[in-house]
Amino acid sequence: MICCKITIINKLGLHARAAAKLASAAARFGCKIETGVSENKMIDAKSVMSIMLLAAGKGTTLHFRFDGEDEVKARAHIEKLFADRFGEGE
């Protein structure tokens, strides 16, 4: 299991399009991927609705937990998605 924190740096936070991109990216991997604003309240990162309910804006630090065979690749991919600002450029 890999645990890490990722801070949202894109201007609009986890709005609908970013939430959909995160859920779609997470769904590519077989490992279990959970996220949340607290380690005690984690949600399934493969669910767009659950991600949107986090209402996470710019500057929010999310906790991630990756557990499974491809957890290393999943973490790298998700970190890259956040670093790229979900392809929004700002």
C-alpha atoms as a PDB file:
ATOM      1  CA  MET A   1       0.000   0.000   0.000  1.00  0.00           C
ATOM      2  CA  ILE A   2       1.214   3.487  -0.920  1.00  0.00           C
ATOM      3  CA  CYS A   3      -0.049   6.584   0.875  1.00  0.00           C
ATOM      4  CA  CYS A   4       0.693  10.126  -0.276  1.00  0.00           C
ATOM      5  CA  LYS A   5      -0.651  13.666  -0.292  1.00  0.00           C
ATOM      6  CA  ILE A   6      -1.286  15.750  -3.400  1.00  0.00           C
ATOM      7  CA  THR A   7      -2.192  19.437  -3.367  1.00  0.00           C
ATOM      8  CA  ILE A   8      -4.609  20.744  -5.976  1.00  0.00           C
ATOM      9  CA  ILE A   9      -2.862  23.451  -7.984  1.00  0.00           C
ATOM     10  CA  ASN A  10      -5.256  24.061 -10.875  1.00  0.00           C
ATOM     11  CA  LYS A  11      -7.305  27.248 -10.750  1.00  0.00           C
ATOM     12  CA  LEU A  12     -10.774  25.659 -10.573  1.00  0.00           C
ATOM     13  CA  GLY A  13     -10.013  22.760  -8.216  1.00  0.00           C
ATOM     14  CA  LEU A  14     -11.812  19.463  -8.680  1.00  0.00           C
ATOM     15  CA  HIS A  15     -14.700  20.764 -10.780  1.00  0.00           C
ATOM     16  CA  ALA A  16     -16.742  18.420 -12.982  1.00  0.00           C
ATOM     17  CA  ARG A  17     -14.221  18.010 -15.806  1.00  0.00           C
ATOM     18  CA  ALA A  18     -11.246  17.514 -13.469  1.00  0.00           C
ATOM     19  CA  ALA A  19     -13.237  15.055 -11.336  1.00  0.00           C
ATOM     20  CA  ALA A  20     -14.136  13.077 -14.464  1.00  0.00           C
ATOM     21  CA  LYS A  21     -10.491  13.011 -15.574  1.00  0.00           C
ATOM     22  CA  LEU A  22      -9.364  11.817 -12.138  1.00  0.00           C
ATOM     23  CA  ALA A  23     -12.008   9.079 -11.993  1.00  0.00           C
ATOM     24  CA  SER A  24     -11.215   7.991 -15.553  1.00  0.00           C
ATOM     25  CA  ALA A  25      -7.477   7.862 -14.805  1.00  0.00           C
ATOM     26  CA  ALA A  26      -8.071   5.895 -11.604  1.00  0.00           C
ATOM     27  CA  ALA A  27     -10.340   3.422 -13.434  1.00  0.00           C
ATOM     28  CA  ARG A  28      -7.451   2.443 -15.749  1.00  0.00           C
ATOM     29  CA  PHE A  29      -5.752   0.662 -12.879  1.00  0.00           C
ATOM     30  CA  GLY A  30      -6.707  -2.536 -11.109  1.00  0.00           C
ATOM     31  CA  CYS A  31      -5.533  -1.382  -7.712  1.00  0.00           C
ATOM     32  CA  LYS A  32      -7.854   0.183  -5.172  1.00  0.00           C
ATOM     33  CA  ILE A  33      -7.473   3.976  -5.162  1.00  0.00           C
ATOM     34  CA  GLU A  34      -8.988   6.071  -2.411  1.00  0.00           C
ATOM     35  CA  THR A  35      -8.788   9.794  -1.723  1.00  0.00           C
ATOM     36  CA  GLY A  36     -10.117  12.328   0.723  1.00  0.00           C
ATOM     37  CA  VAL A  37      -9.449  15.581   2.542  1.00  0.00           C
ATOM     38  CA  SER A  38      -8.775  13.506   5.661  1.00  0.00           C
ATOM     39  CA  GLU A  39      -7.209  10.068   6.116  1.00  0.00           C
ATOM     40  CA  ASN A  40     -10.294   9.144   8.169  1.00  0.00           C
ATOM     41  CA  LYS A  41     -12.817   9.932   5.421  1.00  0.00           C
ATOM     42  CA  MET A  42     -11.655   8.316   2.209  1.00  0.00           C
ATOM     43  CA  ILE A  43     -13.779   7.839  -0.916  1.00  0.00           C
ATOM     44  CA  ASP A  44     -13.398   5.710  -4.044  1.00  0.00           C
ATOM     45  CA  ALA A  45     -11.319   7.727  -6.534  1.00  0.00           C
ATOM     46  CA  LYS A  46     -12.959   5.824  -9.388  1.00  0.00           C
ATOM     47  CA  SER A  47     -16.325   7.488  -8.658  1.00  0.00           C
ATOM     48  CA  VAL A  48     -16.921  10.891 -10.284  1.00  0.00           C
ATOM     49  CA  MET A  49     -19.811  11.714  -7.960  1.00  0.00           C
ATOM     50  CA  SER A  50     -17.812  10.903  -4.834  1.00  0.00           C
ATOM     51  CA  ILE A  51     -14.936  13.083  -6.050  1.00  0.00           C
ATOM     52  CA  MET A  52     -17.255  15.994  -6.784  1.00  0.00           C
ATOM     53  CA  LEU A  53     -18.786  15.724  -3.306  1.00  0.00           C
ATOM     54  CA  LEU A  54     -15.346  16.482  -1.847  1.00  0.00           C
ATOM     55  CA  ALA A  55     -15.842  20.061  -3.126  1.00  0.00           C
ATOM     56  CA  ALA A  56     -12.046  20.411  -3.170  1.00  0.00           C
ATOM     57  CA  GLY A  57     -10.801  23.763  -4.404  1.00  0.00           C
ATOM     58  CA  LYS A  58      -7.387  25.085  -5.320  1.00  0.00           C
ATOM     59  CA  GLY A  59      -4.920  24.637  -2.465  1.00  0.00           C
ATOM     60  CA  THR A  60      -6.731  21.656  -0.935  1.00  0.00           C
ATOM     61  CA  THR A  61      -4.415  18.791   0.010  1.00  0.00           C
ATOM     62  CA  LEU A  62      -5.875  15.388  -0.726  1.00  0.00           C
ATOM     63  CA  HIS A  63      -4.752  12.171   0.911  1.00  0.00           C
ATOM     64  CA  PHE A  64      -4.388   9.217  -1.459  1.00  0.00           C
ATOM     65  CA  ARG A  65      -4.148   5.513  -0.756  1.00  0.00           C
ATOM     66  CA  PHE A  66      -3.147   3.088  -3.535  1.00  0.00           C
ATOM     67  CA  ASP A  67      -3.414  -0.628  -2.807  1.00  0.00           C
ATOM     68  CA  GLY A  68      -2.826  -3.365  -5.349  1.00  0.00           C
ATOM     69  CA  GLU A  69      -0.572  -4.846  -7.976  1.00  0.00           C
ATOM     70  CA  ASP A  70      -0.170  -1.696 -10.111  1.00  0.00           C
ATOM     71  CA  GLU A  71      -0.141   0.836  -7.246  1.00  0.00           C
ATOM     72  CA  VAL A  72       3.237   2.349  -8.205  1.00  0.00           C
ATOM     73  CA  LYS A  73       2.125   3.090 -11.769  1.00  0.00           C
ATOM     74  CA  ALA A  74      -1.226   4.386 -10.559  1.00  0.00           C
ATOM     75  CA  ARG A  75       0.381   6.806  -8.118  1.00  0.00           C
ATOM     76  CA  ALA A  76       2.764   8.139 -10.769  1.00  0.00           C
ATOM     77  CA  HIS A  77      -0.081   8.632 -13.251  1.00  0.00           C
ATOM     78  CA  ILE A  78      -2.345  10.416 -10.750  1.00  0.00           C
ATOM     79  CA  GLU A  79       0.502  12.664  -9.529  1.00  0.00           C
ATOM     80  CA  LYS A  80       1.271  13.607 -13.143  1.00  0.00           C
ATOM     81  CA  LEU A  81      -2.393  14.422 -13.776  1.00  0.00           C
ATOM     82  CA  PHE A  82      -2.427  16.851 -10.837  1.00  0.00           C
ATOM     83  CA  ALA A  83       0.971  18.348 -11.771  1.00  0.00           C
ATOM     84  CA  ASP A  84      -0.348  18.937 -15.309  1.00  0.00           C
ATOM     85  CA  ARG A  85      -3.349  20.786 -13.811  1.00  0.00           C
ATOM     86  CA  PHE A  86      -5.683  18.276 -15.491  1.00  0.00           C
ATOM     87  CA  GLY A  87      -4.604  19.647 -18.861  1.00  0.00           C
ATOM     88  CA  GLU A  88      -6.138  23.062 -18.115  1.00  0.00           C
ATOM     89  CA  GLY A  89      -2.907  25.036 -18.369  1.00  0.00           C
ATOM     90  CA  GLU A  90      -3.563  27.282 -15.355  1.00  0.00           C
END
